[in-house]
Amino acid sequence: MDEVVERFNRLKRANPHTGNVLILAQIVSEHSLTKRQIKKYLHLLCRKDYDYFEDEKGLIDFLYSFSKK
């Protein structure tokens, strides 16, 4: 398991009522993730929440805006 997944799992355990996409946004703000990496983790970690978002590209762009550049 890589460090992003481990960090996600720790944050989810500490904040069980926080949405997965918001937790991913926190991780994106801590790491310099590319759009490709964000898409990978979005599909891997946020599959349950993913159906609520109709515009995948818009969501990826939104999450990328939190990334350290």
PDB file of N, CA and C in Angstrom:
ATOM      1  N   MET A   1       0.847  -1.175   0.000  1.00  0.00           N
ATOM      2  CA  MET A   1       0.000   0.000   0.000  1.00  0.00           C
ATOM      3  C   MET A   1       0.897   1.244   0.000  1.00  0.00           C
ATOM      4  N   ASP A   2       0.573   2.213  -0.814  1.00  0.00           N
ATOM      5  CA  ASP A   2       1.421   3.398  -0.864  1.00  0.00           C
ATOM      6  C   ASP A   2       1.010   4.413   0.199  1.00  0.00           C
ATOM      7  N   GLU A   3       1.814   5.451   0.336  1.00  0.00           N
ATOM      8  CA  GLU A   3       1.605   6.409   1.424  1.00  0.00           C
ATOM      9  C   GLU A   3       0.301   7.197   1.300  1.00  0.00           C
ATOM     10  N   VAL A   4      -0.168   7.446   0.081  1.00  0.00           N
ATOM     11  CA  VAL A   4      -1.433   8.171  -0.089  1.00  0.00           C
ATOM     12  C   VAL A   4      -2.595   7.330   0.440  1.00  0.00           C
ATOM     13  N   VAL A   5      -2.602   6.057   0.117  1.00  0.00           N
ATOM     14  CA  VAL A   5      -3.667   5.170   0.590  1.00  0.00           C
ATOM     15  C   VAL A   5      -3.599   5.033   2.111  1.00  0.00           C
ATOM     16  N   GLU A   6      -2.387   4.897   2.652  1.00  0.00           N
ATOM     17  CA  GLU A   6      -2.237   4.801   4.104  1.00  0.00           C
ATOM     18  C   GLU A   6      -2.729   6.074   4.788  1.00  0.00           C
ATOM     19  N   ARG A   7      -2.373   7.232   4.234  1.00  0.00           N
ATOM     20  CA  ARG A   7      -2.807   8.517   4.793  1.00  0.00           C
ATOM     21  C   ARG A   7      -4.336   8.629   4.716  1.00  0.00           C
ATOM     22  N   PHE A   8      -4.900   8.217   3.594  1.00  0.00           N
ATOM     23  CA  PHE A   8      -6.358   8.237   3.430  1.00  0.00           C
ATOM     24  C   PHE A   8      -7.023   7.391   4.514  1.00  0.00           C
ATOM     25  N   ASN A   9      -6.517   6.191   4.713  1.00  0.00           N
ATOM     26  CA  ASN A   9      -7.110   5.287   5.707  1.00  0.00           C
ATOM     27  C   ASN A   9      -7.006   5.856   7.118  1.00  0.00           C
ATOM     28  N   ARG A  10      -5.858   6.487   7.450  1.00  0.00           N
ATOM     29  CA  ARG A  10      -5.706   7.103   8.776  1.00  0.00           C
ATOM     30  C   ARG A  10      -6.702   8.248   8.963  1.00  0.00           C
ATOM     31  N   LEU A  11      -6.816   9.112   7.945  1.00  0.00           N
ATOM     32  CA  LEU A  11      -7.749  10.236   8.040  1.00  0.00           C
ATOM     33  C   LEU A  11      -9.197   9.756   8.116  1.00  0.00           C
ATOM     34  N   LYS A  12      -9.523   8.711   7.383  1.00  0.00           N
ATOM     35  CA  LYS A  12     -10.895   8.180   7.387  1.00  0.00           C
ATOM     36  C   LYS A  12     -11.238   7.587   8.749  1.00  0.00           C
ATOM     37  N   ARG A  13     -10.281   6.902   9.364  1.00  0.00           N
ATOM     38  CA  ARG A  13     -10.526   6.357  10.707  1.00  0.00           C
ATOM     39  C   ARG A  13     -10.702   7.482  11.732  1.00  0.00           C
ATOM     40  N   ALA A  14      -9.909   8.537  11.592  1.00  0.00           N
ATOM     41  CA  ALA A  14      -9.984   9.662  12.535  1.00  0.00           C
ATOM     42  C   ALA A  14     -11.238  10.506  12.311  1.00  0.00           C
ATOM     43  N   ASN A  15     -11.720  10.541  11.082  1.00  0.00           N
ATOM     44  CA  ASN A  15     -12.877  11.370  10.717  1.00  0.00           C
ATOM     45  C   ASN A  15     -13.886  10.542   9.920  1.00  0.00           C
ATOM     46  N   PRO A  16     -14.546   9.598  10.564  1.00  0.00           N
ATOM     47  CA  PRO A  16     -15.397   8.662   9.814  1.00  0.00           C
ATOM     48  C   PRO A  16     -16.593   9.302   9.114  1.00  0.00           C
ATOM     49  N   HIS A  17     -17.007  10.486   9.542  1.00  0.00           N
ATOM     50  CA  HIS A  17     -18.178  11.113   8.930  1.00  0.00           C
ATOM     51  C   HIS A  17     -17.812  12.086   7.815  1.00  0.00           C
ATOM     52  N   THR A  18     -16.523  12.262   7.576  1.00  0.00           N
ATOM     53  CA  THR A  18     -16.072  13.152   6.507  1.00  0.00           C
ATOM     54  C   THR A  18     -16.121  12.397   5.185  1.00  0.00           C
ATOM     55  N   GLY A  19     -16.588  13.057   4.143  1.00  0.00           N
ATOM     56  CA  GLY A  19     -16.685  12.421   2.833  1.00  0.00           C
ATOM     57  C   GLY A  19     -15.324  12.065   2.257  1.00  0.00           C
ATOM     58  N   ASN A  20     -15.299  11.008   1.486  1.00  0.00           N
ATOM     59  CA  ASN A  20     -14.048  10.530   0.902  1.00  0.00           C
ATOM     60  C   ASN A  20     -13.400  11.556  -0.014  1.00  0.00           C
ATOM     61  N   VAL A  21     -14.201  12.296  -0.775  1.00  0.00           N
ATOM     62  CA  VAL A  21     -13.647  13.294  -1.691  1.00  0.00           C
ATOM     63  C   VAL A  21     -12.982  14.420  -0.901  1.00  0.00           C
ATOM     64  N   LEU A  22     -13.567  14.809   0.227  1.00  0.00           N
ATOM     65  CA  LEU A  22     -12.949  15.843   1.063  1.00  0.00           C
ATOM     66  C   LEU A  22     -11.644  15.357   1.671  1.00  0.00           C
ATOM     67  N   ILE A  23     -11.598  14.105   2.061  1.00  0.00           N
ATOM     68  CA  ILE A  23     -10.351  13.540   2.581  1.00  0.00           C
ATOM     69  C   ILE A  23      -9.301  13.523   1.478  1.00  0.00           C
ATOM     70  N   LEU A  24      -9.701  13.156   0.270  1.00  0.00           N
ATOM     71  CA  LEU A  24      -8.760  13.171  -0.852  1.00  0.00           C
ATOM     72  C   LEU A  24      -8.267  14.590  -1.119  1.00  0.00           C
ATOM     73  N   ALA A  25      -9.131  15.591  -0.994  1.00  0.00           N
ATOM     74  CA  ALA A  25      -8.714  16.987  -1.172  1.00  0.00           C
ATOM     75  C   ALA A  25      -7.654  17.362  -0.143  1.00  0.00           C
ATOM     76  N   GLN A  26      -7.801  16.904   1.087  1.00  0.00           N
ATOM     77  CA  GLN A  26      -6.796  17.154   2.131  1.00  0.00           C
ATOM     78  C   GLN A  26      -5.457  16.546   1.736  1.00  0.00           C
ATOM     79  N   ILE A  27      -5.484  15.321   1.236  1.00  0.00           N
ATOM     80  CA  ILE A  27      -4.251  14.643   0.834  1.00  0.00           C
ATOM     81  C   ILE A  27      -3.618  15.350  -0.358  1.00  0.00           C
ATOM     82  N   VAL A  28      -4.432  15.775  -1.314  1.00  0.00           N
ATOM     83  CA  VAL A  28      -3.918  16.496  -2.483  1.00  0.00           C
ATOM     84  C   VAL A  28      -3.220  17.774  -2.036  1.00  0.00           C
ATOM     85  N   SER A  29      -3.754  18.442  -1.006  1.00  0.00           N
ATOM     86  CA  SER A  29      -3.133  19.678  -0.526  1.00  0.00           C
ATOM     87  C   SER A  29      -1.804  19.414   0.176  1.00  0.00           C
ATOM     88  N   GLU A  30      -1.605  18.206   0.675  1.00  0.00           N
ATOM     89  CA  GLU A  30      -0.359  17.853   1.364  1.00  0.00           C
ATOM     90  C   GLU A  30       0.724  17.359   0.409  1.00  0.00           C
ATOM     91  N   HIS A  31       0.326  16.862  -0.732  1.00  0.00           N
ATOM     92  CA  HIS A  31       1.260  16.276  -1.700  1.00  0.00           C
ATOM     93  C   HIS A  31       1.095  16.976  -3.043  1.00  0.00           C
ATOM     94  N   SER A  32       2.098  16.908  -3.842  1.00  0.00           N
ATOM     95  CA  SER A  32       2.007  17.442  -5.204  1.00  0.00           C
ATOM     96  C   SER A  32       1.564  16.313  -6.127  1.00  0.00           C
ATOM     97  N   LEU A  33       0.272  16.115  -6.219  1.00  0.00           N
ATOM     98  CA  LEU A  33      -0.258  15.053  -7.068  1.00  0.00           C
ATOM     99  C   LEU A  33      -0.590  15.603  -8.448  1.00  0.00           C
ATOM    100  N   THR A  34      -0.314  14.799  -9.462  1.00  0.00           N
ATOM    101  CA  THR A  34      -0.684  15.175 -10.822  1.00  0.00           C
ATOM    102  C   THR A  34      -2.158  14.848 -11.040  1.00  0.00           C
ATOM    103  N   LYS A  35      -2.708  15.361 -12.128  1.00  0.00           N
ATOM    104  CA  LYS A  35      -4.112  15.059 -12.437  1.00  0.00           C
ATOM    105  C   LYS A  35      -4.308  13.564 -12.661  1.00  0.00           C
ATOM    106  N   ARG A  36      -3.319  12.919 -13.255  1.00  0.00           N
ATOM    107  CA  ARG A  36      -3.410  11.469 -13.482  1.00  0.00           C
ATOM    108  C   ARG A  36      -3.452  10.714 -12.152  1.00  0.00           C
ATOM    109  N   GLN A  37      -2.617  11.138 -11.192  1.00  0.00           N
ATOM    110  CA  GLN A  37      -2.623  10.501  -9.873  1.00  0.00           C
ATOM    111  C   GLN A  37      -3.946  10.758  -9.155  1.00  0.00           C
ATOM    112  N   ILE A  38      -4.454  11.981  -9.262  1.00  0.00           N
ATOM    113  CA  ILE A  38      -5.733  12.310  -8.630  1.00  0.00           C
ATOM    114  C   ILE A  38      -6.833  11.417  -9.188  1.00  0.00           C
ATOM    115  N   LYS A  39      -6.845  11.233 -10.497  1.00  0.00           N
ATOM    116  CA  LYS A  39      -7.861  10.378 -11.119  1.00  0.00           C
ATOM    117  C   LYS A  39      -7.747   8.946 -10.604  1.00  0.00           C
ATOM    118  N   LYS A  40      -6.520   8.450 -10.499  1.00  0.00           N
ATOM    119  CA  LYS A  40      -6.287   7.092 -10.003  1.00  0.00           C
ATOM    120  C   LYS A  40      -6.843   6.936  -8.586  1.00  0.00           C
ATOM    121  N   TYR A  41      -6.502   7.864  -7.698  1.00  0.00           N
ATOM    122  CA  TYR A  41      -6.955   7.762  -6.311  1.00  0.00           C
ATOM    123  C   TYR A  41      -8.447   8.044  -6.179  1.00  0.00           C
ATOM    124  N   LEU A  42      -8.976   8.887  -7.037  1.00  0.00           N
ATOM    125  CA  LEU A  42     -10.414   9.153  -7.035  1.00  0.00           C
ATOM    126  C   LEU A  42     -11.182   7.867  -7.317  1.00  0.00           C
ATOM    127  N   HIS A  43     -10.734   7.119  -8.310  1.00  0.00           N
ATOM    128  CA  HIS A  43     -11.395   5.855  -8.658  1.00  0.00           C
ATOM    129  C   HIS A  43     -11.153   4.791  -7.589  1.00  0.00           C
ATOM    130  N   LEU A  44      -9.948   4.781  -7.026  1.00  0.00           N
ATOM    131  CA  LEU A  44      -9.582   3.761  -6.048  1.00  0.00           C
ATOM    132  C   LEU A  44     -10.238   3.997  -4.686  1.00  0.00           C
ATOM    133  N   LEU A  45     -10.228   5.242  -4.216  1.00  0.00           N
ATOM    134  CA  LEU A  45     -10.626   5.532  -2.841  1.00  0.00           C
ATOM    135  C   LEU A  45     -12.021   6.126  -2.701  1.00  0.00           C
ATOM    136  N   CYS A  46     -12.543   6.701  -3.762  1.00  0.00           N
ATOM    137  CA  CYS A  46     -13.809   7.440  -3.648  1.00  0.00           C
ATOM    138  C   CYS A  46     -14.901   6.853  -4.521  1.00  0.00           C
ATOM    139  N   ARG A  47     -14.805   5.596  -4.825  1.00  0.00           N
ATOM    140  CA  ARG A  47     -15.769   4.961  -5.720  1.00  0.00           C
ATOM    141  C   ARG A  47     -17.199   5.108  -5.212  1.00  0.00           C
ATOM    142  N   LYS A  48     -17.380   4.983  -3.904  1.00  0.00           N
ATOM    143  CA  LYS A  48     -18.721   5.082  -3.317  1.00  0.00           C
ATOM    144  C   LYS A  48     -19.315   6.476  -3.521  1.00  0.00           C
ATOM    145  N   ASP A  49     -18.490   7.507  -3.368  1.00  0.00           N
ATOM    146  CA  ASP A  49     -18.949   8.889  -3.522  1.00  0.00           C
ATOM    147  C   ASP A  49     -18.931   9.340  -4.972  1.00  0.00           C
ATOM    148  N   TYR A  50     -18.252   8.599  -5.796  1.00  0.00           N
ATOM    149  CA  TYR A  50     -17.980   9.031  -7.165  1.00  0.00           C
ATOM    150  C   TYR A  50     -19.244   9.223  -7.987  1.00  0.00           C
ATOM    151  N   ASP A  51     -20.263   8.430  -7.755  1.00  0.00           N
ATOM    152  CA  ASP A  51     -21.500   8.504  -8.542  1.00  0.00           C
ATOM    153  C   ASP A  51     -22.236   9.829  -8.381  1.00  0.00           C
ATOM    154  N   TYR A  52     -21.943  10.556  -7.317  1.00  0.00           N
ATOM    155  CA  TYR A  52     -22.615  11.836  -7.088  1.00  0.00           C
ATOM    156  C   TYR A  52     -22.103  12.938  -8.014  1.00  0.00           C
ATOM    157  N   PHE A  53     -20.958  12.700  -8.637  1.00  0.00           N
ATOM    158  CA  PHE A  53     -20.339  13.722  -9.474  1.00  0.00           C
ATOM    159  C   PHE A  53     -20.502  13.353 -10.937  1.00  0.00           C
ATOM    160  N   GLU A  54     -21.159  14.227 -11.690  1.00  0.00           N
ATOM    161  CA  GLU A  54     -21.406  13.954 -13.103  1.00  0.00           C
ATOM    162  C   GLU A  54     -20.214  14.330 -13.971  1.00  0.00           C
ATOM    163  N   ASP A  55     -19.445  15.315 -13.540  1.00  0.00           N
ATOM    164  CA  ASP A  55     -18.362  15.854 -14.351  1.00  0.00           C
ATOM    165  C   ASP A  55     -17.014  15.433 -13.768  1.00  0.00           C
ATOM    166  N   GLU A  56     -16.476  14.313 -14.247  1.00  0.00           N
ATOM    167  CA  GLU A  56     -15.209  13.810 -13.722  1.00  0.00           C
ATOM    168  C   GLU A  56     -14.083  14.814 -13.924  1.00  0.00           C
ATOM    169  N   LYS A  57     -13.992  15.394 -15.107  1.00  0.00           N
ATOM    170  CA  LYS A  57     -12.913  16.344 -15.382  1.00  0.00           C
ATOM    171  C   LYS A  57     -13.004  17.553 -14.453  1.00  0.00           C
ATOM    172  N   GLY A  58     -14.205  18.049 -14.234  1.00  0.00           N
ATOM    173  CA  GLY A  58     -14.393  19.178 -13.323  1.00  0.00           C
ATOM    174  C   GLY A  58     -13.982  18.842 -11.899  1.00  0.00           C
ATOM    175  N   LEU A  59     -14.301  17.636 -11.459  1.00  0.00           N
ATOM    176  CA  LEU A  59     -13.928  17.205 -10.116  1.00  0.00           C
ATOM    177  C   LEU A  59     -12.413  17.074  -9.999  1.00  0.00           C
ATOM    178  N   ILE A  60     -11.781  16.502 -11.014  1.00  0.00           N
ATOM    179  CA  ILE A  60     -10.322  16.368 -11.003  1.00  0.00           C
ATOM    180  C   ILE A  60      -9.669  17.746 -11.003  1.00  0.00           C
ATOM    181  N   ASP A  61     -10.177  18.665 -11.822  1.00  0.00           N
ATOM    182  CA  ASP A  61      -9.642  20.031 -11.841  1.00  0.00           C
ATOM    183  C   ASP A  61      -9.817  20.702 -10.480  1.00  0.00           C
ATOM    184  N   PHE A  62     -10.975  20.489  -9.855  1.00  0.00           N
ATOM    185  CA  PHE A  62     -11.229  21.049  -8.528  1.00  0.00           C
ATOM    186  C   PHE A  62     -10.220  20.514  -7.519  1.00  0.00           C
ATOM    187  N   LEU A  63     -10.026  19.205  -7.497  1.00  0.00           N
ATOM    188  CA  LEU A  63      -9.069  18.614  -6.564  1.00  0.00           C
ATOM    189  C   LEU A  63      -7.648  19.076  -6.873  1.00  0.00           C
ATOM    190  N   TYR A  64      -7.322  19.201  -8.152  1.00  0.00           N
ATOM    191  CA  TYR A  64      -5.979  19.637  -8.552  1.00  0.00           C
ATOM    192  C   TYR A  64      -5.698  21.060  -8.071  1.00  0.00           C
ATOM    193  N   SER A  65      -6.731  21.869  -7.931  1.00  0.00           N
ATOM    194  CA  SER A  65      -6.535  23.246  -7.468  1.00  0.00           C
ATOM    195  C   SER A  65      -5.993  23.289  -6.037  1.00  0.00           C
ATOM    196  N   PHE A  66      -6.134  22.207  -5.284  1.00  0.00           N
ATOM    197  CA  PHE A  66      -5.585  22.130  -3.935  1.00  0.00           C
ATOM    198  C   PHE A  66      -4.125  21.685  -3.926  1.00  0.00           C
ATOM    199  N   SER A  67      -3.626  21.198  -5.054  1.00  0.00           N
ATOM    200  CA  SER A  67      -2.281  20.641  -5.128  1.00  0.00           C
ATOM    201  C   SER A  67      -1.229  21.728  -4.995  1.00  0.00           C
ATOM    202  N   LYS A  68      -0.150  21.388  -4.285  1.00  0.00           N
ATOM    203  CA  LYS A  68       0.980  22.312  -4.187  1.00  0.00           C
ATOM    204  C   LYS A  68       1.669  22.342  -5.533  1.00  0.00           C
ATOM    205  N   LYS A  69       1.897  23.525  -6.019  1.00  0.00           N
ATOM    206  CA  LYS A  69       2.518  23.642  -7.344  1.00  0.00           C
ATOM    207  C   LYS A  69       3.925  24.147  -7.231  1.00  0.00           C
TER     208      LYS A  69
END
